[in-house]
N, C-alpha and C. Protein backbone atom coordinates (compact mmCIF):
# COMPACT_ATOMS: atom_id res chain seq x y z
N MET A 1 0.85 -1.17 0.00
CA MET A 1 0.00 0.00 0.00
C MET A 1 0.89 1.24 0.00
N ASN A 2 0.69 2.09 -1.01
CA ASN A 2 1.49 3.31 -1.14
C ASN A 2 0.61 4.51 -0.78
N LEU A 3 0.96 5.19 0.29
CA LEU A 3 0.16 6.33 0.74
C LEU A 3 0.69 7.66 0.21
N ALA A 4 1.77 7.66 -0.49
CA ALA A 4 2.35 8.90 -1.01
C ALA A 4 1.64 9.31 -2.30
N PHE A 5 1.66 10.61 -2.57
CA PHE A 5 1.09 11.15 -3.80
C PHE A 5 2.15 11.23 -4.88
N ASP A 6 1.77 10.96 -6.10
CA ASP A 6 2.61 11.29 -7.24
C ASP A 6 2.57 12.80 -7.42
N ALA A 7 3.52 13.33 -8.16
CA ALA A 7 3.52 14.77 -8.42
C ALA A 7 2.28 15.17 -9.21
N SER A 8 1.87 14.35 -10.17
CA SER A 8 0.69 14.69 -10.96
C SER A 8 -0.58 14.60 -10.12
N ASP A 9 -0.66 13.64 -9.20
CA ASP A 9 -1.82 13.54 -8.31
C ASP A 9 -1.89 14.76 -7.40
N LEU A 10 -0.76 15.16 -6.88
CA LEU A 10 -0.72 16.32 -5.99
C LEU A 10 -1.11 17.58 -6.74
N MET A 11 -0.61 17.77 -7.95
CA MET A 11 -0.95 18.95 -8.73
C MET A 11 -2.43 18.95 -9.10
N GLY A 12 -2.97 17.78 -9.41
CA GLY A 12 -4.40 17.68 -9.69
C GLY A 12 -5.24 18.05 -8.49
N PHE A 13 -4.83 17.57 -7.31
CA PHE A 13 -5.53 17.90 -6.08
C PHE A 13 -5.47 19.39 -5.80
N LEU A 14 -4.29 20.00 -5.95
CA LEU A 14 -4.14 21.43 -5.70
C LEU A 14 -4.95 22.25 -6.69
N LEU A 15 -4.99 21.83 -7.95
CA LEU A 15 -5.77 22.54 -8.96
C LEU A 15 -7.26 22.43 -8.66
N LEU A 16 -7.71 21.27 -8.24
CA LEU A 16 -9.11 21.09 -7.86
C LEU A 16 -9.46 21.98 -6.67
N ARG A 17 -8.59 22.04 -5.69
CA ARG A 17 -8.82 22.88 -4.52
C ARG A 17 -8.90 24.35 -4.91
N LEU A 18 -8.01 24.80 -5.79
CA LEU A 18 -8.04 26.18 -6.26
C LEU A 18 -9.33 26.47 -7.01
N ALA A 19 -9.76 25.53 -7.85
CA ALA A 19 -11.00 25.72 -8.61
C ALA A 19 -12.20 25.82 -7.68
N LEU A 20 -12.26 25.01 -6.64
CA LEU A 20 -13.37 25.06 -5.70
C LEU A 20 -13.38 26.37 -4.92
N ILE A 21 -12.23 26.85 -4.52
CA ILE A 21 -12.15 28.13 -3.81
C ILE A 21 -12.59 29.26 -4.73
N ALA A 22 -12.12 29.24 -5.98
CA ALA A 22 -12.51 30.29 -6.94
C ALA A 22 -14.01 30.25 -7.19
N LEU A 23 -14.58 29.08 -7.32
CA LEU A 23 -16.02 28.94 -7.52
C LEU A 23 -16.79 29.50 -6.33
N GLY A 24 -16.32 29.23 -5.13
CA GLY A 24 -16.95 29.78 -3.93
C GLY A 24 -16.92 31.30 -3.89
N VAL A 25 -15.79 31.89 -4.27
CA VAL A 25 -15.67 33.35 -4.29
C VAL A 25 -16.61 33.94 -5.34
N ILE A 26 -16.69 33.32 -6.50
CA ILE A 26 -17.58 33.82 -7.56
C ILE A 26 -19.04 33.71 -7.13
N LEU A 27 -19.42 32.61 -6.51
CA LEU A 27 -20.80 32.46 -6.04
C LEU A 27 -21.13 33.47 -4.95
N LEU A 28 -20.19 33.72 -4.05
CA LEU A 28 -20.41 34.71 -3.01
C LEU A 28 -20.60 36.10 -3.61
N ALA A 29 -19.79 36.46 -4.60
CA ALA A 29 -19.92 37.75 -5.26
C ALA A 29 -21.27 37.86 -5.97
N ALA A 30 -21.72 36.79 -6.61
CA ALA A 30 -23.01 36.80 -7.30
C ALA A 30 -24.16 36.99 -6.31
N VAL A 31 -24.08 36.32 -5.18
CA VAL A 31 -25.12 36.47 -4.15
C VAL A 31 -25.13 37.90 -3.63
N LEU A 32 -23.98 38.49 -3.40
CA LEU A 32 -23.92 39.88 -2.92
C LEU A 32 -24.53 40.85 -3.93
N VAL A 33 -24.26 40.64 -5.21
CA VAL A 33 -24.84 41.51 -6.24
C VAL A 33 -26.36 41.38 -6.25
N VAL A 34 -26.86 40.16 -6.14
CA VAL A 34 -28.32 39.94 -6.13
C VAL A 34 -28.95 40.62 -4.92
N VAL A 35 -28.32 40.51 -3.76
CA VAL A 35 -28.85 41.14 -2.55
C VAL A 35 -28.86 42.66 -2.70
N ILE A 36 -27.80 43.23 -3.23
CA ILE A 36 -27.74 44.69 -3.41
C ILE A 36 -28.81 45.15 -4.39
N VAL A 37 -29.00 44.42 -5.48
CA VAL A 37 -30.03 44.80 -6.45
C VAL A 37 -31.42 44.71 -5.83
N MET A 38 -31.67 43.67 -5.06
CA MET A 38 -32.98 43.53 -4.40
C MET A 38 -33.22 44.67 -3.41
N LEU A 39 -32.21 45.00 -2.62
CA LEU A 39 -32.36 46.09 -1.66
C LEU A 39 -32.58 47.42 -2.38
N ARG A 40 -31.88 47.63 -3.48
CA ARG A 40 -32.03 48.88 -4.22
C ARG A 40 -33.43 48.98 -4.81
N ARG A 41 -33.96 47.90 -5.35
CA ARG A 41 -35.30 47.94 -5.95
C ARG A 41 -36.38 48.17 -4.92
N ARG A 42 -36.18 47.64 -3.73
CA ARG A 42 -37.17 47.83 -2.66
C ARG A 42 -36.99 49.14 -1.92
N GLY A 43 -35.92 49.88 -2.23
CA GLY A 43 -35.68 51.17 -1.60
C GLY A 43 -35.11 51.06 -0.19
N LYS A 44 -34.52 49.94 0.14
CA LYS A 44 -34.00 49.74 1.49
C LYS A 44 -32.48 49.69 1.54
N LEU A 45 -31.81 50.09 0.45
CA LEU A 45 -30.36 50.05 0.42
C LEU A 45 -29.76 51.02 1.44
N ASP A 46 -30.34 52.22 1.57
CA ASP A 46 -29.82 53.19 2.53
C ASP A 46 -29.97 52.70 3.96
N GLN A 47 -31.09 52.07 4.25
CA GLN A 47 -31.31 51.53 5.59
C GLN A 47 -30.29 50.42 5.88
N ALA A 48 -30.05 49.55 4.93
CA ALA A 48 -29.07 48.47 5.11
C ALA A 48 -27.66 49.05 5.25
N ARG A 49 -27.35 50.09 4.49
CA ARG A 49 -26.03 50.72 4.58
C ARG A 49 -25.81 51.32 5.96
N ARG A 50 -26.82 52.01 6.49
CA ARG A 50 -26.68 52.60 7.84
C ARG A 50 -26.49 51.52 8.89
N TYR A 51 -27.12 50.38 8.69
CA TYR A 51 -27.01 49.27 9.65
C TYR A 51 -25.64 48.60 9.57
N MET A 52 -25.10 48.43 8.36
CA MET A 52 -23.87 47.66 8.17
C MET A 52 -22.59 48.49 8.28
N GLU A 53 -22.66 49.80 8.05
CA GLU A 53 -21.45 50.61 8.00
C GLU A 53 -20.63 50.57 9.30
N PRO A 54 -21.23 50.70 10.49
CA PRO A 54 -20.41 50.62 11.71
C PRO A 54 -19.71 49.26 11.87
N MET A 55 -20.41 48.18 11.50
CA MET A 55 -19.79 46.86 11.59
C MET A 55 -18.65 46.72 10.60
N ALA A 56 -18.82 47.25 9.40
CA ALA A 56 -17.76 47.17 8.40
C ALA A 56 -16.55 47.98 8.81
N ARG A 57 -16.77 49.16 9.38
CA ARG A 57 -15.63 49.98 9.84
C ARG A 57 -14.88 49.28 10.97
N ASP A 58 -15.62 48.69 11.90
CA ASP A 58 -14.98 47.96 13.00
C ASP A 58 -14.19 46.77 12.48
N TRP A 59 -14.76 46.03 11.52
CA TRP A 59 -14.07 44.89 10.92
C TRP A 59 -12.80 45.33 10.22
N ALA A 60 -12.86 46.49 9.55
CA ALA A 60 -11.69 46.99 8.82
C ALA A 60 -10.58 47.40 9.78
N GLU A 61 -10.94 48.00 10.90
CA GLU A 61 -9.92 48.48 11.85
C GLU A 61 -9.18 47.33 12.53
N ARG A 62 -9.82 46.18 12.64
CA ARG A 62 -9.16 45.03 13.26
C ARG A 62 -8.26 44.28 12.29
N GLY A 63 -8.32 44.61 11.02
CA GLY A 63 -7.54 43.88 10.02
C GLY A 63 -6.27 44.62 9.64
N GLY A 64 -5.61 44.08 8.66
CA GLY A 64 -4.39 44.68 8.16
C GLY A 64 -4.68 45.76 7.14
N PRO A 65 -3.63 46.24 6.49
CA PRO A 65 -3.81 47.34 5.54
C PRO A 65 -4.65 46.97 4.32
N ILE A 66 -4.61 45.74 3.89
CA ILE A 66 -5.42 45.34 2.72
C ILE A 66 -6.89 45.36 3.09
N ARG A 67 -7.23 44.84 4.25
CA ARG A 67 -8.62 44.83 4.69
C ARG A 67 -9.14 46.25 4.88
N ARG A 68 -8.32 47.12 5.50
CA ARG A 68 -8.73 48.51 5.71
C ARG A 68 -8.95 49.22 4.39
N GLY A 69 -8.01 49.06 3.46
CA GLY A 69 -8.13 49.73 2.17
C GLY A 69 -9.32 49.25 1.37
N THR A 70 -9.56 47.95 1.39
CA THR A 70 -10.69 47.40 0.65
C THR A 70 -12.01 47.89 1.22
N THR A 71 -12.14 47.88 2.53
CA THR A 71 -13.38 48.32 3.16
C THR A 71 -13.62 49.80 2.90
N ARG A 72 -12.57 50.61 3.01
CA ARG A 72 -12.74 52.05 2.73
C ARG A 72 -13.14 52.29 1.29
N SER A 73 -12.56 51.55 0.37
CA SER A 73 -12.92 51.71 -1.05
C SER A 73 -14.38 51.35 -1.29
N VAL A 74 -14.84 50.27 -0.69
CA VAL A 74 -16.24 49.87 -0.86
C VAL A 74 -17.18 50.90 -0.26
N ILE A 75 -16.85 51.42 0.93
CA ILE A 75 -17.71 52.42 1.56
C ILE A 75 -17.74 53.70 0.73
N LYS A 76 -16.59 54.13 0.21
CA LYS A 76 -16.56 55.33 -0.65
C LYS A 76 -17.38 55.11 -1.91
N TYR A 77 -17.28 53.92 -2.50
CA TYR A 77 -18.04 53.62 -3.72
C TYR A 77 -19.54 53.66 -3.44
N LEU A 78 -19.96 53.08 -2.32
CA LEU A 78 -21.38 53.09 -1.99
C LEU A 78 -21.87 54.50 -1.69
N ASP A 79 -21.04 55.32 -1.06
CA ASP A 79 -21.44 56.71 -0.79
C ASP A 79 -21.52 57.52 -2.06
N LYS A 80 -20.67 57.22 -3.03
CA LYS A 80 -20.65 57.97 -4.29
C LYS A 80 -21.90 57.73 -5.12
N GLU A 81 -22.54 56.58 -5.00
CA GLU A 81 -23.70 56.25 -5.82
C GLU A 81 -24.96 57.00 -5.43
N GLU A 82 -24.95 57.68 -4.31
CA GLU A 82 -26.16 58.37 -3.86
C GLU A 82 -26.50 59.53 -4.72
């Protein structure tokens, strides 16, 4: 019984893992877009923004520079659309 991976088996496993992670990120982005469109059509986007903004700012402050920059960019983008 050989429990070791061949190089091709390992690369296939890593490629499959990368594909599943990428699929998850794409699905999450699609769900977020659908939620934003639904909130905008119902006229509740501003209410949701006021509810989520303090939590997003707190989340950004606890993270590193990439998290802070990304959160600030998203908040600025949402404020610009008004």
